[in-house]
Protein backbone atom coordinates (compact mmCIF):
# COMPACT_ATOMS: atom_id res chain seq x y z
CA MET A 1 -48.10 5.42 -8.08
CA SER A 2 -47.05 4.89 -11.70
CA GLN A 3 -46.84 1.41 -13.21
CA ALA A 4 -43.10 1.89 -13.71
CA GLU A 5 -42.57 2.70 -10.03
CA SER A 6 -44.76 -0.22 -8.99
CA HIS A 7 -42.60 -2.65 -10.99
CA LYS A 8 -39.44 -1.08 -9.53
CA LEU A 9 -40.70 -1.60 -5.97
CA GLN A 10 -41.58 -5.21 -6.73
CA GLY A 11 -38.12 -5.62 -8.20
CA ASN A 12 -36.67 -4.29 -4.96
CA VAL A 13 -38.63 -6.91 -3.03
CA TYR A 14 -37.25 -9.70 -5.22
CA PHE A 15 -33.74 -8.25 -4.94
CA GLY A 16 -33.99 -8.31 -1.15
CA GLN A 17 -34.92 -12.00 -1.40
CA HIS A 18 -31.93 -12.64 -3.71
CA LEU A 19 -34.31 -13.55 -6.54
CA TYR A 20 -32.25 -11.67 -9.08
CA ASP A 21 -33.85 -13.07 -12.24
CA ASP A 22 -37.29 -12.05 -10.99
CA ALA A 23 -35.95 -8.64 -10.00
CA ILE A 24 -34.44 -8.21 -13.47
CA ARG A 25 -37.82 -8.97 -15.03
CA GLU A 26 -39.57 -6.35 -12.88
CA TYR A 27 -36.93 -3.68 -13.50
CA GLY A 28 -37.24 -4.45 -17.20
CA LYS A 29 -40.98 -3.80 -17.05
CA ALA A 30 -40.31 -0.54 -15.22
CA ILE A 31 -37.95 0.50 -18.01
CA ILE A 32 -40.55 -0.34 -20.65
CA HIS A 33 -43.07 1.94 -18.92
CA ASN A 34 -40.53 4.73 -18.35
CA PRO A 35 -37.09 4.39 -20.00
CA THR A 36 -35.90 7.79 -18.73
CA ILE A 37 -35.29 6.87 -15.06
CA PRO A 38 -31.59 5.96 -14.49
CA THR A 39 -32.32 4.16 -11.20
CA TYR A 40 -34.19 1.42 -13.06
CA TYR A 41 -31.06 0.69 -15.08
CA THR A 42 -28.67 0.77 -12.11
CA ASN A 43 -30.96 -1.53 -10.13
CA ARG A 44 -31.00 -4.02 -12.98
CA ALA A 45 -27.25 -3.60 -13.49
CA LEU A 46 -26.68 -4.56 -9.85
CA CYS A 47 -28.72 -7.73 -10.40
CA PHE A 48 -26.62 -8.61 -13.46
CA LEU A 49 -23.51 -7.94 -11.39
CA ARG A 50 -24.67 -10.37 -8.71
CA LEU A 51 -25.31 -12.98 -11.40
CA GLU A 52 -21.85 -12.30 -12.90
CA GLN A 53 -23.41 -11.26 -16.20
CA TYR A 54 -20.89 -8.47 -16.57
CA GLU A 55 -21.50 -7.38 -20.15
CA ARG A 56 -25.20 -6.86 -19.45
CA ALA A 57 -24.35 -4.98 -16.26
CA ILE A 58 -22.02 -2.75 -18.28
CA THR A 59 -24.76 -2.00 -20.82
CA ASP A 60 -27.25 -0.96 -18.14
CA ALA A 61 -24.72 1.09 -16.19
CA GLU A 62 -23.71 2.93 -19.36
CA LYS A 63 -27.36 3.64 -20.16
CA ALA A 64 -27.87 5.09 -16.68
CA ILE A 65 -24.81 7.32 -17.14
CA GLU A 66 -26.11 8.41 -20.53
CA ILE A 67 -29.29 9.62 -18.83
CA ASP A 68 -27.48 11.17 -15.84
CA PRO A 69 -23.72 11.70 -16.41
CA LYS A 70 -23.19 12.60 -12.73
CA LEU A 71 -24.88 9.51 -11.31
CA VAL A 72 -22.39 8.08 -8.81
CA LYS A 73 -24.02 4.65 -8.72
CA GLY A 74 -23.88 4.38 -12.49
CA HIS A 75 -20.13 4.96 -12.66
CA TYR A 76 -19.58 2.76 -9.60
CA LEU A 77 -21.46 -0.20 -11.06
CA LEU A 78 -19.78 0.28 -14.42
CA GLY A 79 -16.39 0.20 -12.71
CA GLN A 80 -17.25 -2.96 -10.78
CA ALA A 81 -18.47 -4.78 -13.89
CA LEU A 82 -15.41 -3.76 -15.92
CA SER A 83 -13.13 -4.82 -13.04
CA ALA A 84 -14.32 -8.39 -13.49
CA ILE A 85 -12.87 -8.45 -17.02
CA ASP A 86 -9.06 -8.42 -17.03
CA THR A 87 -8.85 -6.90 -20.50
CA ARG A 88 -10.97 -3.92 -19.44
CA LEU A 89 -9.26 -2.87 -16.22
CA GLU A 90 -8.18 0.48 -17.67
CA GLY A 91 -11.84 1.34 -18.24
CA ALA A 92 -12.69 0.10 -14.75
CA ILE A 93 -10.11 2.39 -13.18
CA HIS A 94 -11.44 5.33 -15.18
CA ALA A 95 -15.06 4.62 -14.16
CA LEU A 96 -14.22 4.08 -10.49
CA THR A 97 -12.09 7.23 -10.39
CA LYS A 98 -15.03 9.17 -11.80
CA ALA A 99 -17.40 7.56 -9.29
CA TYR A 100 -15.09 8.41 -6.40
CA LYS A 101 -14.66 12.05 -7.39
CA LEU A 102 -18.41 12.46 -7.87
CA SER A 103 -19.07 10.78 -4.52
CA ILE A 104 -16.82 13.33 -2.81
CA GLU A 105 -18.51 16.22 -4.59
CA GLN A 106 -21.99 14.95 -3.75
CA ARG A 107 -21.00 13.77 -0.25
CA VAL A 108 -22.50 10.30 -0.67
CA GLY A 109 -22.02 7.86 2.18
CA TYR A 110 -20.08 5.12 0.41
CA SER A 111 -17.01 6.95 -0.90
CA GLU A 112 -14.65 4.63 0.98
CA GLU A 113 -16.29 1.56 -0.60
CA ILE A 114 -15.65 3.04 -4.03
CA ALA A 115 -12.08 3.85 -3.03
CA GLU A 116 -11.51 0.23 -2.01
CA LYS A 117 -12.80 -1.06 -5.37
CA LEU A 118 -10.53 1.42 -7.12
CA ARG A 119 -7.52 0.20 -5.15
CA GLU A 120 -8.40 -3.40 -6.02
CA ALA A 121 -8.68 -2.58 -9.74
CA LYS A 122 -5.34 -0.77 -9.76
CA LYS A 123 -3.69 -3.62 -7.88
CA ARG A 124 -5.11 -6.18 -10.31
CA LYS A 125 -3.88 -4.16 -13.29
CA TRP A 126 -0.42 -3.96 -11.75
CA GLU A 127 -0.40 -7.71 -11.03
CA LEU A 128 -1.26 -8.53 -14.64
CA THR A 129 1.44 -6.18 -15.92
CA ASP A 130 3.94 -7.75 -13.55
CA LYS A 131 2.88 -11.25 -14.63
CA LYS A 132 3.59 -10.39 -18.27
CA ARG A 133 6.99 -9.04 -17.28
CA ARG A 134 7.81 -12.24 -15.41
CA GLU A 135 6.73 -14.38 -18.34
CA SER A 136 8.92 -12.32 -20.66
CA GLU A 137 11.88 -12.74 -18.32
CA SER A 138 11.29 -16.50 -18.16
CA GLU A 139 11.37 -16.70 -21.95
CA LEU A 140 14.59 -14.70 -22.00
CA TYR A 141 16.11 -16.98 -19.34
CA ARG A 142 15.27 -20.10 -21.35
CA TYR A 143 16.65 -18.50 -24.51
CA LEU A 144 19.96 -17.53 -22.89
CA THR A 145 20.52 -20.87 -21.18
CA ASP A 146 19.74 -22.66 -24.45
CA LEU A 147 22.35 -20.52 -26.23
CA VAL A 148 24.95 -21.41 -23.60
CA GLU A 149 24.18 -25.13 -23.85
CA ARG A 150 24.40 -25.08 -27.65
CA ASP A 151 27.70 -23.24 -27.46
CA ARG A 152 28.94 -25.81 -24.94
CA ARG A 153 28.07 -28.71 -27.25
CA ARG A 154 29.67 -26.99 -30.24
CA GLN A 155 32.95 -26.30 -28.46
CA LEU A 156 33.11 -29.77 -26.91
CA GLU A 157 32.71 -31.26 -30.38
CA GLN A 158 35.69 -29.20 -31.51
CA LEU A 159 37.67 -30.66 -28.59
CA ASP A 160 36.80 -34.18 -29.61
CA SER A 161 40.44 -35.22 -29.68
CA ALA A 162 41.37 -33.44 -26.44
CA ASP A 163 41.82 -35.27 -23.15
CA ASP A 164 39.09 -35.50 -20.51
CA ALA A 165 40.70 -32.88 -18.26
CA GLU A 166 40.59 -30.23 -21.00
CA LYS A 167 36.98 -31.09 -21.81
CA GLU A 168 36.09 -30.90 -18.12
CA ALA A 169 37.69 -27.46 -17.81
CA MET A 170 35.80 -26.22 -20.85
CA SER A 171 32.50 -27.61 -19.56
CA SER A 172 33.13 -26.03 -16.16
CA GLN A 173 33.39 -22.60 -17.79
CA PHE A 174 29.93 -23.05 -19.26
CA ASP A 175 28.58 -24.22 -15.90
CA ASN A 176 29.85 -20.97 -14.42
CA ARG A 177 28.11 -18.95 -17.14
CA LEU A 178 24.85 -20.75 -16.47
CA SER A 179 25.24 -20.12 -12.73
CA GLU A 180 25.82 -16.41 -13.37
CA ILE A 181 22.72 -16.19 -15.56
CA THR A 182 20.64 -18.02 -12.95
CA ALA A 183 21.93 -15.78 -10.16
CA LEU A 184 21.15 -12.67 -12.18
CA PHE A 185 17.56 -13.71 -12.89
CA THR A 186 17.05 -14.92 -9.31
CA LYS A 187 18.13 -11.55 -7.96
CA ALA A 188 15.84 -9.76 -10.39
CA ASP A 189 12.94 -11.99 -9.36
CA GLU A 190 13.54 -11.36 -5.65
CA THR A 191 13.51 -7.62 -6.32
CA ALA A 192 10.32 -7.95 -8.35
CA LYS A 193 8.55 -9.75 -5.49
CA LYS A 194 8.84 -6.54 -3.48
CA ARG A 195 7.01 -4.52 -6.13
CA GLU A 196 4.09 -3.32 -4.08
CA VAL A 197 3.33 0.23 -3.05
CA PRO A 198 1.91 0.51 0.50
CA ASP A 199 -1.58 2.05 0.52
CA TYR A 200 -0.48 4.71 3.00
CA TYR A 201 1.95 6.09 0.37
CA THR A 202 -0.88 6.87 -2.05
CA GLY A 203 -3.28 9.82 -2.04
CA LYS A 204 -6.86 9.38 -0.85
CA ILE A 205 -8.27 11.13 -3.92
CA SER A 206 -5.89 10.48 -6.83
CA PHE A 207 -4.56 7.13 -5.54
CA GLU A 208 -1.17 8.09 -6.98
CA ILE A 209 2.00 8.06 -4.88
CA MET A 210 2.02 11.25 -2.83
CA THR A 211 4.66 13.93 -3.38
CA ASP A 212 3.70 16.33 -0.58
CA PRO A 213 1.62 14.55 2.10
CA VAL A 214 -0.32 16.76 4.52
CA ILE A 215 -2.58 16.00 7.48
CA THR A 216 -6.05 17.48 8.00
CA PRO A 217 -7.58 18.29 11.42
CA SER A 218 -9.44 14.97 11.15
CA GLY A 219 -6.11 13.14 11.10
CA ILE A 220 -6.43 12.03 7.48
CA THR A 221 -3.44 12.31 5.15
CA TYR A 222 -3.80 13.59 1.58
CA ASP A 223 -1.39 14.70 -1.11
CA ARG A 224 -1.32 18.51 -0.94
CA PRO A 225 -2.20 19.13 -4.64
CA GLU A 226 -5.30 16.91 -4.47
CA ILE A 227 -6.68 18.27 -1.18
CA VAL A 228 -6.00 21.89 -2.18
CA SER A 229 -7.79 21.30 -5.49
CA HIS A 230 -10.73 19.81 -3.59
CA LEU A 231 -10.94 22.74 -1.16
CA ARG A 232 -10.86 25.28 -3.97
CA LYS A 233 -13.20 23.56 -6.44
CA ILE A 234 -15.55 21.46 -4.33
CA GLY A 235 -15.81 23.01 -0.89
CA GLN A 236 -14.14 23.83 2.42
CA PHE A 237 -14.49 20.41 4.02
CA ASP A 238 -12.48 17.23 4.51
CA PRO A 239 -13.47 14.86 1.63
CA LEU A 240 -13.70 11.78 3.85
CA SER A 241 -14.64 13.02 7.33
CA ARG A 242 -16.70 15.89 5.85
CA HIS A 243 -15.62 18.16 8.71
CA PRO A 244 -15.18 21.86 7.84
CA MET A 245 -11.59 22.95 7.12
CA THR A 246 -9.45 25.34 5.05
CA GLU A 247 -6.00 25.26 3.42
CA LYS A 248 -4.54 26.88 6.54
CA ASP A 249 -5.45 23.79 8.54
CA LEU A 250 -3.15 21.52 6.50
CA ILE A 251 -0.06 20.30 8.35
CA PRO A 252 2.92 18.86 6.39
CA ASN A 253 3.60 15.20 7.15
CA LEU A 254 7.38 15.45 6.90
CA ALA A 255 8.08 11.97 8.25
CA LEU A 256 5.85 10.35 5.62
CA LYS A 257 7.29 12.55 2.87
CA GLU A 258 10.80 11.40 3.81
CA ALA A 259 9.69 7.76 3.89
CA ILE A 260 8.09 8.05 0.45
CA GLY A 261 11.22 9.71 -0.94
CA ASP A 262 13.37 6.90 0.43
CA PHE A 263 10.99 4.31 -1.02
CA LEU A 264 11.15 5.90 -4.49
CA ASP A 265 14.95 6.11 -4.34
CA LYS A 266 15.09 2.35 -3.79
CA ASN A 267 12.19 1.46 -6.09
CA GLY A 268 12.39 3.50 -9.27
CA TRP A 269 9.67 1.37 -10.90
CA ALA A 270 7.14 2.80 -8.43
CA ILE A 271 7.16 6.15 -10.23
CA ASP A 272 5.00 4.53 -12.92
CA TYR A 273 2.64 2.92 -10.38
């Protein structure tokens, strides 16, 4: 057994005992003895991930990918580390998408785990985008109500010599304007709260909203373009169940297609999901 492999095995022992710093040290020694083995980097990256040292995890995952561009674990760990940094979610989604596609091609046993991390990253990205939108709307609301109040004060000053009834009527008009603005923003906010695409409307491979859902013999629903592409380029098997199948086995899910169409008609924003 090589010295590098010996240090890796000792690192595995420490990792199993949750002694991540010790494991990192051993994996580091393994890398020194043989810096061409991607597993040493992914093992150390996983330790950094557990310690929430995300930048270091990213560096090791990227090094592993540099050595082996088709290493599923490398892309998966890179995606997880990037997911922990809100400003790098786009990169996380890209890495996890790559990991998922490679996992399907290579038929690894944790494709669904990768898919779940990808869904979480996409959801987080959407939540942050929606938060910015809400903050922008709040600023606009404050700006508009401030304009109305300033206009109210200005016009009331011009009515300084008018009687109380006339001033009250004028002030009431501005109250109505403020109520209309509040109602408008409240309605928009209620609509925004519903901005969530159900998971069963999205494809199992692309994670985009499906346009032509079909069912495989295993009972799993995919978007037709993505499953057909898989069957033609990767192999004649169901990506998730791995059971043999062909294009002829696909059955249109008309009920789901109609439901998705109705959802998009009522939620135009979802097209950009």
